[in-house]
C-alpha atoms as a PDB file:
ATOM      1  CA  MET A   1      64.800  57.265  69.416  1.00  0.00           C
ATOM      2  CA  ALA A   2      61.708  57.771  71.294  1.00  0.00           C
ATOM      3  CA  ALA A   3      60.339  59.993  68.666  1.00  0.00           C
ATOM      4  CA  GLU A   4      60.943  57.305  65.892  1.00  0.00           C
ATOM      5  CA  LEU A   5      59.036  54.859  68.225  1.00  0.00           C
ATOM      6  CA  THR A   6      56.265  57.221  68.558  1.00  0.00           C
ATOM      7  CA  ARG A   7      56.054  57.737  64.718  1.00  0.00           C
ATOM      8  CA  ARG A   8      55.922  54.010  63.790  1.00  0.00           C
ATOM      9  CA  PHE A   9      53.320  53.406  66.581  1.00  0.00           C
ATOM     10  CA  VAL A  10      51.251  56.538  65.199  1.00  0.00           C
ATOM     11  CA  THR A  11      51.697  55.226  61.357  1.00  0.00           C
ATOM     12  CA  ARG A  12      50.406  51.651  62.532  1.00  0.00           C
ATOM     13  CA  GLN A  13      47.620  53.068  64.318  1.00  0.00           C
ATOM     14  CA  LEU A  14      46.647  54.902  61.121  1.00  0.00           C
ATOM     15  CA  GLN A  15      46.738  51.809  59.317  1.00  0.00           C
ATOM     16  CA  LEU A  16      44.843  49.816  61.708  1.00  0.00           C
ATOM     17  CA  THR A  17      42.153  52.743  61.505  1.00  0.00           C
ATOM     18  CA  VAL A  18      42.198  52.803  58.056  1.00  0.00           C
ATOM     19  CA  GLU A  19      41.690  49.220  57.710  1.00  0.00           C
ATOM     20  CA  GLU A  20      38.692  49.654  59.790  1.00  0.00           C
ATOM     21  CA  LEU A  21      37.155  52.088  57.985  1.00  0.00           C
ATOM     22  CA  GLU A  22      37.307  50.322  55.029  1.00  0.00           C
ATOM     23  CA  ARG A  23      35.509  47.331  56.792  1.00  0.00           C
ATOM     24  CA  GLU A  24      33.011  49.359  58.347  1.00  0.00           C
ATOM     25  CA  ALA A  25      32.556  51.202  54.774  1.00  0.00           C
ATOM     26  CA  GLU A  26      32.034  47.716  53.236  1.00  0.00           C
ATOM     27  CA  ARG A  27      29.301  46.835  56.307  1.00  0.00           C
ATOM     28  CA  LEU A  28      27.521  50.036  55.446  1.00  0.00           C
ATOM     29  CA  ALA A  29      27.332  48.976  51.588  1.00  0.00           C
ATOM     30  CA  VAL A  30      25.975  45.611  52.450  1.00  0.00           C
ATOM     31  CA  ALA A  31      23.572  47.141  54.935  1.00  0.00           C
ATOM     32  CA  ALA A  32      22.258  49.544  52.172  1.00  0.00           C
ATOM     33  CA  ARG A  33      21.817  46.767  49.660  1.00  0.00           C
ATOM     34  CA  ILE A  34      19.827  44.736  52.076  1.00  0.00           C
ATOM     35  CA  TYR A  35      17.490  47.768  53.230  1.00  0.00           C
ATOM     36  CA  ALA A  36      17.038  48.431  49.136  1.00  0.00           C
ATOM     37  CA  ASP A  37      16.174  44.791  48.865  1.00  0.00           C
ATOM     38  CA  GLU A  38      13.775  44.813  51.797  1.00  0.00           C
ATOM     39  CA  ILE A  39      11.964  47.746  50.585  1.00  0.00           C
ATOM     40  CA  ALA A  40      11.738  46.715  46.973  1.00  0.00           C
ATOM     41  CA  ALA A  41      10.293  43.662  48.562  1.00  0.00           C
ATOM     42  CA  GLY A  42       7.704  45.629  50.137  1.00  0.00           C
ATOM     43  CA  ARG A  43       9.065  45.168  53.695  1.00  0.00           C
ATOM     44  CA  HIS A  44       9.491  47.859  56.119  1.00  0.00           C
ATOM     45  CA  GLY A  45      13.226  47.357  55.918  1.00  0.00           C
ATOM     46  CA  SER A  46      16.097  47.776  58.559  1.00  0.00           C
ATOM     47  CA  ALA A  47      16.646  51.554  58.723  1.00  0.00           C
ATOM     48  CA  HIS A  48      17.913  51.508  62.222  1.00  0.00           C
ATOM     49  CA  ARG A  49      20.660  49.098  61.416  1.00  0.00           C
ATOM     50  CA  LEU A  50      21.630  51.165  58.437  1.00  0.00           C
ATOM     51  CA  ALA A  51      21.816  54.333  60.507  1.00  0.00           C
ATOM     52  CA  GLN A  52      23.912  52.461  63.260  1.00  0.00           C
ATOM     53  CA  ASP A  53      26.326  51.203  60.496  1.00  0.00           C
ATOM     54  CA  ALA A  54      26.646  54.920  59.330  1.00  0.00           C
ATOM     55  CA  ALA A  55      27.100  56.274  62.570  1.00  0.00           C
ATOM     56  CA  ALA A  56      29.710  54.071  63.282  1.00  0.00           C
ATOM     57  CA  LEU A  57      31.535  54.811  60.002  1.00  0.00           C
ATOM     58  CA  ALA A  58      31.268  58.768  60.801  1.00  0.00           C
ATOM     59  CA  LEU A  59      32.807  58.071  64.219  1.00  0.00           C
ATOM     60  CA  THR A  60      35.885  55.846  62.763  1.00  0.00           C
ATOM     61  CA  GLU A  61      36.319  58.597  60.126  1.00  0.00           C
ATOM     62  CA  ARG A  62      36.445  61.341  62.631  1.00  0.00           C
ATOM     63  CA  ARG A  63      38.964  59.467  64.790  1.00  0.00           C
ATOM     64  CA  LEU A  64      41.072  58.859  61.558  1.00  0.00           C
ATOM     65  CA  ALA A  65      41.096  62.641  61.083  1.00  0.00           C
ATOM     66  CA  GLY A  66      42.334  63.343  64.564  1.00  0.00           C
ATOM     67  CA  MET A  67      44.980  60.630  64.269  1.00  0.00           C
ATOM     68  CA  ARG A  68      46.191  62.069  60.817  1.00  0.00           C
ATOM     69  CA  GLU A  69      46.130  65.754  62.564  1.00  0.00           C
ATOM     70  CA  ILE A  70      48.511  63.901  65.396  1.00  0.00           C
ATOM     71  CA  ALA A  71      50.586  62.243  62.657  1.00  0.00           C
ATOM     72  CA  GLY A  72      50.931  65.641  60.822  1.00  0.00           C
ATOM     73  CA  LEU A  73      52.542  67.345  64.302  1.00  0.00           C
ATOM     74  CA  LEU A  74      54.776  64.724  64.492  1.00  0.00           C
ATOM     75  CA  ASP A  75      56.198  65.221  61.207  1.00  0.00           C
ATOM     76  CA  GLU A  76      56.545  68.835  61.780  1.00  0.00           C
ATOM     77  CA  GLY A  77      58.907  68.125  64.715  1.00  0.00           C
ATOM     78  CA  PRO A  78      59.917  70.927  67.400  1.00  0.00           C
ATOM     79  CA  THR A  79      59.540  74.590  66.540  1.00  0.00           C
ATOM     80  CA  SER A  80      62.234  75.516  68.532  1.00  0.00           C
END
């Protein structure tokens, strides 16, 4: 019972993190487009914003990788 509850919790957390990653990727794409438009218009651009969005995306991806590793361990079950 507890193992099934844990699996369901981890599965839901994975799903939420994937959705967060998708949102952050979209935000990064928008920031990149804005940056490109600013540079094309001769303005200095907002590279700091682009870098912040890229860093947030990388952090979420690392978190997701760790969660997937945990989920893999749960799927393996006890090794006794």
